[in-house]
Amino acid sequence: MNNENPLLSKSYDFALQIVKLYQELTKNKREYVLSKQLLRAGTSVGANIAEANGAISKADFSAKISIAYKESLETKYWLNLLKDSEYIELSIANGLIEKAD
């Protein structure tokens, strides 16, 4: 995604990585429940940032950014759970957790 907003660009790239991890988990590990939760939360971060970009007021912007932050926290939860249950490697999880921050 080519965008002048660095936060929007980073969150879009993050969402792409989450989608690719989801594809890997469902195809090769046959894991569907945790990975679906990760997909929903991880892609929601960028979607809410995109909505915040079009906010009609400061309150609307603040609400959307707050939701994006909460989705980021949830994404980190699912990444940690997938890591600790040995569905994904430590390095992959830690890299994505760092990007979620």
PDB file of N, CA and C in Angstrom:
ATOM      1  N   MET A   1       0.854  -1.180   0.000  1.00  0.00           N
ATOM      2  CA  MET A   1       0.000   0.000   0.000  1.00  0.00           C
ATOM      3  C   MET A   1       0.890   1.230   0.000  1.00  0.00           C
ATOM      4  N   ASN A   2       0.680   2.086  -0.942  1.00  0.00           N
ATOM      5  CA  ASN A   2       1.449   3.316  -1.025  1.00  0.00           C
ATOM      6  C   ASN A   2       0.612   4.431  -0.418  1.00  0.00           C
ATOM      7  N   ASN A   3       1.060   4.919   0.732  1.00  0.00           N
ATOM      8  CA  ASN A   3       0.280   5.935   1.420  1.00  0.00           C
ATOM      9  C   ASN A   3       1.226   6.898   2.115  1.00  0.00           C
ATOM     10  N   GLU A   4       0.819   8.116   2.262  1.00  0.00           N
ATOM     11  CA  GLU A   4       1.641   9.117   2.937  1.00  0.00           C
ATOM     12  C   GLU A   4       1.598   8.977   4.447  1.00  0.00           C
ATOM     13  N   ASN A   5       0.638   8.262   4.967  1.00  0.00           N
ATOM     14  CA  ASN A   5       0.507   8.065   6.407  1.00  0.00           C
ATOM     15  C   ASN A   5       1.335   6.837   6.815  1.00  0.00           C
ATOM     16  N   PRO A   6       2.449   7.041   7.526  1.00  0.00           N
ATOM     17  CA  PRO A   6       3.311   5.900   7.874  1.00  0.00           C
ATOM     18  C   PRO A   6       2.622   4.867   8.765  1.00  0.00           C
ATOM     19  N   LEU A   7       1.755   5.314   9.655  1.00  0.00           N
ATOM     20  CA  LEU A   7       1.054   4.376  10.523  1.00  0.00           C
ATOM     21  C   LEU A   7       0.119   3.484   9.707  1.00  0.00           C
ATOM     22  N   LEU A   8      -0.558   4.070   8.746  1.00  0.00           N
ATOM     23  CA  LEU A   8      -1.453   3.303   7.884  1.00  0.00           C
ATOM     24  C   LEU A   8      -0.656   2.307   7.038  1.00  0.00           C
ATOM     25  N   SER A   9       0.475   2.751   6.506  1.00  0.00           N
ATOM     26  CA  SER A   9       1.318   1.860   5.701  1.00  0.00           C
ATOM     27  C   SER A   9       1.864   0.706   6.528  1.00  0.00           C
ATOM     28  N   LYS A  10       2.348   1.010   7.722  1.00  0.00           N
ATOM     29  CA  LYS A  10       2.896  -0.040   8.598  1.00  0.00           C
ATOM     30  C   LYS A  10       1.817  -1.032   9.025  1.00  0.00           C
ATOM     31  N   SER A  11       0.642  -0.523   9.324  1.00  0.00           N
ATOM     32  CA  SER A  11      -0.431  -1.428   9.759  1.00  0.00           C
ATOM     33  C   SER A  11      -0.923  -2.288   8.596  1.00  0.00           C
ATOM     34  N   TYR A  12      -0.876  -1.753   7.381  1.00  0.00           N
ATOM     35  CA  TYR A  12      -1.253  -2.539   6.200  1.00  0.00           C
ATOM     36  C   TYR A  12      -0.239  -3.656   5.967  1.00  0.00           C
ATOM     37  N   ASP A  13       1.047  -3.326   6.051  1.00  0.00           N
ATOM     38  CA  ASP A  13       2.095  -4.339   5.896  1.00  0.00           C
ATOM     39  C   ASP A  13       1.987  -5.407   6.986  1.00  0.00           C
ATOM     40  N   PHE A  14       1.673  -4.969   8.203  1.00  0.00           N
ATOM     41  CA  PHE A  14       1.482  -5.893   9.312  1.00  0.00           C
ATOM     42  C   PHE A  14       0.319  -6.845   9.016  1.00  0.00           C
ATOM     43  N   ALA A  15      -0.774  -6.296   8.514  1.00  0.00           N
ATOM     44  CA  ALA A  15      -1.940  -7.117   8.171  1.00  0.00           C
ATOM     45  C   ALA A  15      -1.586  -8.156   7.110  1.00  0.00           C
ATOM     46  N   LEU A  16      -0.792  -7.758   6.127  1.00  0.00           N
ATOM     47  CA  LEU A  16      -0.354  -8.718   5.100  1.00  0.00           C
ATOM     48  C   LEU A  16       0.447  -9.869   5.711  1.00  0.00           C
ATOM     49  N   GLN A  17       1.310  -9.550   6.659  1.00  0.00           N
ATOM     50  CA  GLN A  17       2.088 -10.596   7.329  1.00  0.00           C
ATOM     51  C   GLN A  17       1.184 -11.520   8.131  1.00  0.00           C
ATOM     52  N   ILE A  18       0.165 -10.958   8.748  1.00  0.00           N
ATOM     53  CA  ILE A  18      -0.789 -11.766   9.514  1.00  0.00           C
ATOM     54  C   ILE A  18      -1.557 -12.689   8.568  1.00  0.00           C
ATOM     55  N   VAL A  19      -1.977 -12.175   7.424  1.00  0.00           N
ATOM     56  CA  VAL A  19      -2.694 -13.000   6.439  1.00  0.00           C
ATOM     57  C   VAL A  19      -1.814 -14.157   5.982  1.00  0.00           C
ATOM     58  N   LYS A  20      -0.547 -13.879   5.707  1.00  0.00           N
ATOM     59  CA  LYS A  20       0.370 -14.936   5.267  1.00  0.00           C
ATOM     60  C   LYS A  20       0.599 -15.965   6.362  1.00  0.00           C
ATOM     61  N   LEU A  21       0.706 -15.519   7.605  1.00  0.00           N
ATOM     62  CA  LEU A  21       0.847 -16.462   8.712  1.00  0.00           C
ATOM     63  C   LEU A  21      -0.408 -17.313   8.851  1.00  0.00           C
ATOM     64  N   TYR A  22      -1.574 -16.687   8.716  1.00  0.00           N
ATOM     65  CA  TYR A  22      -2.836 -17.430   8.762  1.00  0.00           C
ATOM     66  C   TYR A  22      -2.870 -18.507   7.678  1.00  0.00           C
ATOM     67  N   GLN A  23      -2.462 -18.147   6.479  1.00  0.00           N
ATOM     68  CA  GLN A  23      -2.437 -19.124   5.382  1.00  0.00           C
ATOM     69  C   GLN A  23      -1.510 -20.291   5.712  1.00  0.00           C
ATOM     70  N   GLU A  24      -0.366 -19.976   6.274  1.00  0.00           N
ATOM     71  CA  GLU A  24       0.595 -21.009   6.664  1.00  0.00           C
ATOM     72  C   GLU A  24       0.021 -21.918   7.755  1.00  0.00           C
ATOM     73  N   LEU A  25      -0.589 -21.313   8.754  1.00  0.00           N
ATOM     74  CA  LEU A  25      -1.142 -22.088   9.863  1.00  0.00           C
ATOM     75  C   LEU A  25      -2.269 -23.012   9.423  1.00  0.00           C
ATOM     76  N   THR A  26      -3.120 -22.519   8.559  1.00  0.00           N
ATOM     77  CA  THR A  26      -4.252 -23.353   8.138  1.00  0.00           C
ATOM     78  C   THR A  26      -3.838 -24.413   7.126  1.00  0.00           C
ATOM     79  N   LYS A  27      -2.889 -24.079   6.262  1.00  0.00           N
ATOM     80  CA  LYS A  27      -2.475 -25.021   5.224  1.00  0.00           C
ATOM     81  C   LYS A  27      -1.548 -26.107   5.766  1.00  0.00           C
ATOM     82  N   ASN A  28      -0.508 -25.703   6.470  1.00  0.00           N
ATOM     83  CA  ASN A  28       0.517 -26.657   6.881  1.00  0.00           C
ATOM     84  C   ASN A  28       0.356 -27.203   8.291  1.00  0.00           C
ATOM     85  N   LYS A  29      -0.209 -26.419   9.181  1.00  0.00           N
ATOM     86  CA  LYS A  29      -0.364 -26.872  10.569  1.00  0.00           C
ATOM     87  C   LYS A  29      -1.779 -27.358  10.869  1.00  0.00           C
ATOM     88  N   ARG A  30      -2.690 -27.095   9.959  1.00  0.00           N
ATOM     89  CA  ARG A  30      -4.101 -27.460  10.131  1.00  0.00           C
ATOM     90  C   ARG A  30      -4.685 -26.896  11.427  1.00  0.00           C
ATOM     91  N   GLU A  31      -4.288 -25.652  11.726  1.00  0.00           N
ATOM     92  CA  GLU A  31      -4.790 -24.970  12.916  1.00  0.00           C
ATOM     93  C   GLU A  31      -5.761 -23.901  12.436  1.00  0.00           C
ATOM     94  N   TYR A  32      -7.003 -23.958  12.902  1.00  0.00           N
ATOM     95  CA  TYR A  32      -8.043 -23.076  12.376  1.00  0.00           C
ATOM     96  C   TYR A  32      -8.637 -22.119  13.408  1.00  0.00           C
ATOM     97  N   VAL A  33      -8.691 -22.500  14.654  1.00  0.00           N
ATOM     98  CA  VAL A  33      -9.392 -21.692  15.646  1.00  0.00           C
ATOM     99  C   VAL A  33      -8.559 -20.491  16.087  1.00  0.00           C
ATOM    100  N   LEU A  34      -7.367 -20.726  16.604  1.00  0.00           N
ATOM    101  CA  LEU A  34      -6.510 -19.633  17.067  1.00  0.00           C
ATOM    102  C   LEU A  34      -6.101 -18.738  15.904  1.00  0.00           C
ATOM    103  N   SER A  35      -5.797 -19.359  14.785  1.00  0.00           N
ATOM    104  CA  SER A  35      -5.347 -18.574  13.629  1.00  0.00           C
ATOM    105  C   SER A  35      -6.454 -17.666  13.091  1.00  0.00           C
ATOM    106  N   LYS A  36      -7.699 -18.091  13.174  1.00  0.00           N
ATOM    107  CA  LYS A  36      -8.811 -17.245  12.726  1.00  0.00           C
ATOM    108  C   LYS A  36      -8.948 -16.026  13.640  1.00  0.00           C
ATOM    109  N   GLN A  37      -8.755 -16.239  14.934  1.00  0.00           N
ATOM    110  CA  GLN A  37      -8.804 -15.120  15.880  1.00  0.00           C
ATOM    111  C   GLN A  37      -7.672 -14.135  15.587  1.00  0.00           C
ATOM    112  N   LEU A  38      -6.483 -14.687  15.308  1.00  0.00           N
ATOM    113  CA  LEU A  38      -5.332 -13.856  14.963  1.00  0.00           C
ATOM    114  C   LEU A  38      -5.612 -13.056  13.696  1.00  0.00           C
ATOM    115  N   LEU A  39      -6.181 -13.698  12.706  1.00  0.00           N
ATOM    116  CA  LEU A  39      -6.501 -13.027  11.442  1.00  0.00           C
ATOM    117  C   LEU A  39      -7.457 -11.859  11.662  1.00  0.00           C
ATOM    118  N   ARG A  40      -8.490 -12.096  12.439  1.00  0.00           N
ATOM    119  CA  ARG A  40      -9.482 -11.040  12.680  1.00  0.00           C
ATOM    120  C   ARG A  40      -8.880  -9.852  13.415  1.00  0.00           C
ATOM    121  N   ALA A  41      -8.135 -10.143  14.492  1.00  0.00           N
ATOM    122  CA  ALA A  41      -7.562  -9.056  15.286  1.00  0.00           C
ATOM    123  C   ALA A  41      -6.441  -8.346  14.523  1.00  0.00           C
ATOM    124  N   GLY A  42      -5.563  -9.118  13.895  1.00  0.00           N
ATOM    125  CA  GLY A  42      -4.404  -8.543  13.222  1.00  0.00           C
ATOM    126  C   GLY A  42      -4.739  -7.681  12.026  1.00  0.00           C
ATOM    127  N   THR A  43      -5.794  -8.033  11.310  1.00  0.00           N
ATOM    128  CA  THR A  43      -6.194  -7.214  10.162  1.00  0.00           C
ATOM    129  C   THR A  43      -7.080  -6.044  10.585  1.00  0.00           C
ATOM    130  N   SER A  44      -7.693  -6.159  11.743  1.00  0.00           N
ATOM    131  CA  SER A  44      -8.550  -5.090  12.243  1.00  0.00           C
ATOM    132  C   SER A  44      -7.758  -3.855  12.663  1.00  0.00           C
ATOM    133  N   VAL A  45      -6.505  -4.059  13.056  1.00  0.00           N
ATOM    134  CA  VAL A  45      -5.671  -2.919  13.459  1.00  0.00           C
ATOM    135  C   VAL A  45      -5.626  -1.894  12.325  1.00  0.00           C
ATOM    136  N   GLY A  46      -5.210  -2.322  11.169  1.00  0.00           N
ATOM    137  CA  GLY A  46      -5.097  -1.418  10.027  1.00  0.00           C
ATOM    138  C   GLY A  46      -6.434  -0.875   9.558  1.00  0.00           C
ATOM    139  N   ALA A  47      -7.462  -1.708   9.621  1.00  0.00           N
ATOM    140  CA  ALA A  47      -8.786  -1.252   9.198  1.00  0.00           C
ATOM    141  C   ALA A  47      -9.269  -0.096  10.069  1.00  0.00           C
ATOM    142  N   ASN A  48      -9.017  -0.187  11.352  1.00  0.00           N
ATOM    143  CA  ASN A  48      -9.434   0.894  12.249  1.00  0.00           C
ATOM    144  C   ASN A  48      -8.572   2.146  12.077  1.00  0.00           C
ATOM    145  N   ILE A  49      -7.302   1.959  11.759  1.00  0.00           N
ATOM    146  CA  ILE A  49      -6.451   3.115  11.475  1.00  0.00           C
ATOM    147  C   ILE A  49      -6.918   3.794  10.189  1.00  0.00           C
ATOM    148  N   ALA A  50      -7.304   3.002   9.201  1.00  0.00           N
ATOM    149  CA  ALA A  50      -7.831   3.567   7.959  1.00  0.00           C
ATOM    150  C   ALA A  50      -9.117   4.353   8.228  1.00  0.00           C
ATOM    151  N   GLU A  51      -9.977   3.816   9.086  1.00  0.00           N
ATOM    152  CA  GLU A  51     -11.201   4.530   9.441  1.00  0.00           C
ATOM    153  C   GLU A  51     -10.884   5.818  10.188  1.00  0.00           C
ATOM    154  N   ALA A  52      -9.875   5.771  11.066  1.00  0.00           N
ATOM    155  CA  ALA A  52      -9.486   6.966  11.808  1.00  0.00           C
ATOM    156  C   ALA A  52      -9.010   8.055  10.859  1.00  0.00           C
ATOM    157  N   ASN A  53      -8.373   7.647   9.763  1.00  0.00           N
ATOM    158  CA  ASN A  53      -7.916   8.610   8.754  1.00  0.00           C
ATOM    159  C   ASN A  53      -9.071   9.425   8.189  1.00  0.00           C
ATOM    160  N   GLY A  54     -10.234   8.819   8.141  1.00  0.00           N
ATOM    161  CA  GLY A  54     -11.403   9.513   7.608  1.00  0.00           C
ATOM    162  C   GLY A  54     -12.350  10.016   8.675  1.00  0.00           C
ATOM    163  N   ALA A  55     -11.851  10.162   9.878  1.00  0.00           N
ATOM    164  CA  ALA A  55     -12.699  10.586  10.991  1.00  0.00           C
ATOM    165  C   ALA A  55     -13.317  11.954  10.733  1.00  0.00           C
ATOM    166  N   ILE A  56     -14.528  12.124  11.234  1.00  0.00           N
ATOM    167  CA  ILE A  56     -15.229  13.396  11.036  1.00  0.00           C
ATOM    168  C   ILE A  56     -15.058  14.340  12.220  1.00  0.00           C
ATOM    169  N   SER A  57     -14.445  13.827  13.293  1.00  0.00           N
ATOM    170  CA  SER A  57     -14.198  14.671  14.463  1.00  0.00           C
ATOM    171  C   SER A  57     -13.016  14.103  15.245  1.00  0.00           C
ATOM    172  N   LYS A  58     -12.525  14.898  16.181  1.00  0.00           N
ATOM    173  CA  LYS A  58     -11.434  14.420  17.040  1.00  0.00           C
ATOM    174  C   LYS A  58     -11.894  13.236  17.882  1.00  0.00           C
ATOM    175  N   ALA A  59     -13.130  13.270  18.332  1.00  0.00           N
ATOM    176  CA  ALA A  59     -13.665  12.170  19.137  1.00  0.00           C
ATOM    177  C   ALA A  59     -13.760  10.888  18.312  1.00  0.00           C
ATOM    178  N   ASP A  60     -14.188  11.009  17.071  1.00  0.00           N
ATOM    179  CA  ASP A  60     -14.275   9.859  16.168  1.00  0.00           C
ATOM    180  C   ASP A  60     -12.879   9.292  15.914  1.00  0.00           C
ATOM    181  N   PHE A  61     -11.912  10.177  15.660  1.00  0.00           N
ATOM    182  CA  PHE A  61     -10.530   9.750  15.454  1.00  0.00           C
ATOM    183  C   PHE A  61     -10.008   9.013  16.682  1.00  0.00           C
ATOM    184  N   SER A  62     -10.218   9.584  17.831  1.00  0.00           N
ATOM    185  CA  SER A  62      -9.743   8.986  19.085  1.00  0.00           C
ATOM    186  C   SER A  62     -10.366   7.614  19.324  1.00  0.00           C
ATOM    187  N   ALA A  63     -11.635   7.490  19.040  1.00  0.00           N
ATOM    188  CA  ALA A  63     -12.324   6.208  19.232  1.00  0.00           C
ATOM    189  C   ALA A  63     -11.736   5.136  18.316  1.00  0.00           C
ATOM    190  N   LYS A  64     -11.512   5.466  17.053  1.00  0.00           N
ATOM    191  CA  LYS A  64     -10.974   4.481  16.097  1.00  0.00           C
ATOM    192  C   LYS A  64      -9.534   4.099  16.430  1.00  0.00           C
ATOM    193  N   ILE A  65      -8.729   5.077  16.828  1.00  0.00           N
ATOM    194  CA  ILE A  65      -7.347   4.772  17.212  1.00  0.00           C
ATOM    195  C   ILE A  65      -7.321   3.912  18.465  1.00  0.00           C
ATOM    196  N   SER A  66      -8.230   4.168  19.390  1.00  0.00           N
ATOM    197  CA  SER A  66      -8.310   3.350  20.604  1.00  0.00           C
ATOM    198  C   SER A  66      -8.678   1.904  20.275  1.00  0.00           C
ATOM    199  N   ILE A  67      -9.588   1.728  19.350  1.00  0.00           N
ATOM    200  CA  ILE A  67      -9.968   0.376  18.926  1.00  0.00           C
ATOM    201  C   ILE A  67      -8.780  -0.312  18.256  1.00  0.00           C
ATOM    202  N   ALA A  68      -8.050   0.414  17.421  1.00  0.00           N
ATOM    203  CA  ALA A  68      -6.867  -0.150  16.768  1.00  0.00           C
ATOM    204  C   ALA A  68      -5.851  -0.609  17.816  1.00  0.00           C
ATOM    205  N   TYR A  69      -5.657   0.187  18.848  1.00  0.00           N
ATOM    206  CA  TYR A  69      -4.729  -0.168  19.923  1.00  0.00           C
ATOM    207  C   TYR A  69      -5.181  -1.447  20.636  1.00  0.00           C
ATOM    208  N   LYS A  70      -6.464  -1.523  20.942  1.00  0.00           N
ATOM    209  CA  LYS A  70      -6.998  -2.720  21.602  1.00  0.00           C
ATOM    210  C   LYS A  70      -6.845  -3.959  20.725  1.00  0.00           C
ATOM    211  N   GLU A  71      -7.063  -3.797  19.425  1.00  0.00           N
ATOM    212  CA  GLU A  71      -6.891  -4.921  18.500  1.00  0.00           C
ATOM    213  C   GLU A  71      -5.425  -5.341  18.435  1.00  0.00           C
ATOM    214  N   SER A  72      -4.526  -4.395  18.554  1.00  0.00           N
ATOM    215  CA  SER A  72      -3.099  -4.703  18.598  1.00  0.00           C
ATOM    216  C   SER A  72      -2.767  -5.540  19.830  1.00  0.00           C
ATOM    217  N   LEU A  73      -3.332  -5.164  20.969  1.00  0.00           N
ATOM    218  CA  LEU A  73      -3.135  -5.947  22.192  1.00  0.00           C
ATOM    219  C   LEU A  73      -3.688  -7.360  22.045  1.00  0.00           C
ATOM    220  N   GLU A  74      -4.864  -7.477  21.442  1.00  0.00           N
ATOM    221  CA  GLU A  74      -5.451  -8.799  21.227  1.00  0.00           C
ATOM    222  C   GLU A  74      -4.588  -9.624  20.272  1.00  0.00           C
ATOM    223  N   THR A  75      -4.074  -8.997  19.249  1.00  0.00           N
ATOM    224  CA  THR A  75      -3.207  -9.690  18.296  1.00  0.00           C
ATOM    225  C   THR A  75      -1.989 -10.262  19.006  1.00  0.00           C
ATOM    226  N   LYS A  76      -1.396  -9.474  19.891  1.00  0.00           N
ATOM    227  CA  LYS A  76      -0.239  -9.954  20.638  1.00  0.00           C
ATOM    228  C   LYS A  76      -0.605 -11.142  21.525  1.00  0.00           C
ATOM    229  N   TYR A  77      -1.803 -11.123  22.076  1.00  0.00           N
ATOM    230  CA  TYR A  77      -2.271 -12.252  22.884  1.00  0.00           C
ATOM    231  C   TYR A  77      -2.299 -13.536  22.045  1.00  0.00           C
ATOM    232  N   TRP A  78      -2.903 -13.461  20.850  1.00  0.00           N
ATOM    233  CA  TRP A  78      -3.009 -14.645  19.994  1.00  0.00           C
ATOM    234  C   TRP A  78      -1.633 -15.100  19.510  1.00  0.00           C
ATOM    235  N   LEU A  79      -0.756 -14.157  19.216  1.00  0.00           N
ATOM    236  CA  LEU A  79       0.604 -14.522  18.803  1.00  0.00           C
ATOM    237  C   LEU A  79       1.339 -15.255  19.930  1.00  0.00           C
ATOM    238  N   ASN A  80       1.207 -14.749  21.143  1.00  0.00           N
ATOM    239  CA  ASN A  80       1.837 -15.423  22.285  1.00  0.00           C
ATOM    240  C   ASN A  80       1.257 -16.813  22.512  1.00  0.00           C
ATOM    241  N   LEU A  81      -0.036 -16.940  22.375  1.00  0.00           N
ATOM    242  CA  LEU A  81      -0.676 -18.242  22.552  1.00  0.00           C
ATOM    243  C   LEU A  81      -0.227 -19.227  21.474  1.00  0.00           C
ATOM    244  N   LEU A  82      -0.150 -18.779  20.245  1.00  0.00           N
ATOM    245  CA  LEU A  82       0.330 -19.634  19.156  1.00  0.00           C
ATOM    246  C   LEU A  82       1.799 -20.014  19.353  1.00  0.00           C
ATOM    247  N   LYS A  83       2.579 -19.080  19.861  1.00  0.00           N
ATOM    248  CA  LYS A  83       3.991 -19.349  20.137  1.00  0.00           C
ATOM    249  C   LYS A  83       4.127 -20.367  21.274  1.00  0.00           C
ATOM    250  N   ASP A  84       3.417 -20.133  22.365  1.00  0.00           N
ATOM    251  CA  ASP A  84       3.546 -20.999  23.540  1.00  0.00           C
ATOM    252  C   ASP A  84       2.957 -22.388  23.323  1.00  0.00           C
ATOM    253  N   SER A  85       2.036 -22.505  22.376  1.00  0.00           N
ATOM    254  CA  SER A  85       1.485 -23.818  22.037  1.00  0.00           C
ATOM    255  C   SER A  85       2.258 -24.475  20.893  1.00  0.00           C
ATOM    256  N   GLU A  86       3.349 -23.817  20.493  1.00  0.00           N
ATOM    257  CA  GLU A  86       4.306 -24.316  19.504  1.00  0.00           C
ATOM    258  C   GLU A  86       3.745 -24.466  18.092  1.00  0.00           C
ATOM    259  N   TYR A  87       2.770 -23.624  17.762  1.00  0.00           N
ATOM    260  CA  TYR A  87       2.288 -23.584  16.385  1.00  0.00           C
ATOM    261  C   TYR A  87       3.169 -22.702  15.516  1.00  0.00           C
ATOM    262  N   ILE A  88       3.766 -21.672  16.136  1.00  0.00           N
ATOM    263  CA  ILE A  88       4.667 -20.814  15.383  1.00  0.00           C
ATOM    264  C   ILE A  88       5.994 -20.688  16.140  1.00  0.00           C
ATOM    265  N   GLU A  89       7.036 -20.412  15.390  1.00  0.00           N
ATOM    266  CA  GLU A  89       8.367 -20.289  15.966  1.00  0.00           C
ATOM    267  C   GLU A  89       8.496 -19.010  16.786  1.00  0.00           C
ATOM    268  N   LEU A  90       9.372 -19.074  17.755  1.00  0.00           N
ATOM    269  CA  LEU A  90       9.638 -17.944  18.633  1.00  0.00           C
ATOM    270  C   LEU A  90      10.033 -16.700  17.840  1.00  0.00           C
ATOM    271  N   SER A  91      10.901 -16.852  16.862  1.00  0.00           N
ATOM    272  CA  SER A  91      11.385 -15.696  16.093  1.00  0.00           C
ATOM    273  C   SER A  91      10.263 -15.039  15.291  1.00  0.00           C
ATOM    274  N   ILE A  92       9.375 -15.843  14.730  1.00  0.00           N
ATOM    275  CA  ILE A  92       8.241 -15.301  13.966  1.00  0.00           C
ATOM    276  C   ILE A  92       7.308 -14.540  14.900  1.00  0.00           C
ATOM    277  N   ALA A  93       6.970 -15.175  16.026  1.00  0.00           N
ATOM    278  CA  ALA A  93       6.069 -14.542  16.987  1.00  0.00           C
ATOM    279  C   ALA A  93       6.663 -13.243  17.520  1.00  0.00           C
ATOM    280  N   ASN A  94       7.914 -13.291  17.934  1.00  0.00           N
ATOM    281  CA  ASN A  94       8.530 -12.095  18.503  1.00  0.00           C
ATOM    282  C   ASN A  94       8.646 -10.958  17.494  1.00  0.00           C
ATOM    283  N   GLY A  95       8.932 -11.297  16.242  1.00  0.00           N
ATOM    284  CA  GLY A  95       8.998 -10.270  15.206  1.00  0.00           C
ATOM    285  C   GLY A  95       7.661  -9.582  14.997  1.00  0.00           C
ATOM    286  N   LEU A  96       6.588 -10.375  14.968  1.00  0.00           N
ATOM    287  CA  LEU A  96       5.255  -9.801  14.772  1.00  0.00           C
ATOM    288  C   LEU A  96       4.786  -9.060  16.023  1.00  0.00           C
ATOM    289  N   ILE A  97       5.128  -9.562  17.196  1.00  0.00           N
ATOM    290  CA  ILE A  97       4.756  -8.872  18.434  1.00  0.00           C
ATOM    291  C   ILE A  97       5.429  -7.508  18.484  1.00  0.00           C
ATOM    292  N   GLU A  98       6.679  -7.455  18.080  1.00  0.00           N
ATOM    293  CA  GLU A  98       7.397  -6.184  18.042  1.00  0.00           C
ATOM    294  C   GLU A  98       6.729  -5.206  17.069  1.00  0.00           C
ATOM    295  N   LYS A  99       6.291  -5.703  15.927  1.00  0.00           N
ATOM    296  CA  LYS A  99       5.616  -4.844  14.945  1.00  0.00           C
ATOM    297  C   LYS A  99       4.233  -4.411  15.450  1.00  0.00           C
ATOM    298  N   ALA A 100       3.595  -5.255  16.235  1.00  0.00           N
ATOM    299  CA  ALA A 100       2.284  -4.905  16.788  1.00  0.00           C
ATOM    300  C   ALA A 100       2.382  -3.751  17.781  1.00  0.00           C
ATOM    301  N   ASP A 101       3.548  -3.610  18.400  1.00  0.00           N
ATOM    302  CA  ASP A 101       3.756  -2.493  19.332  1.00  0.00           C
ATOM    303  C   ASP A 101       3.862  -1.199  18.564  1.00  0.00           C
TER     304      ASP A 101
END
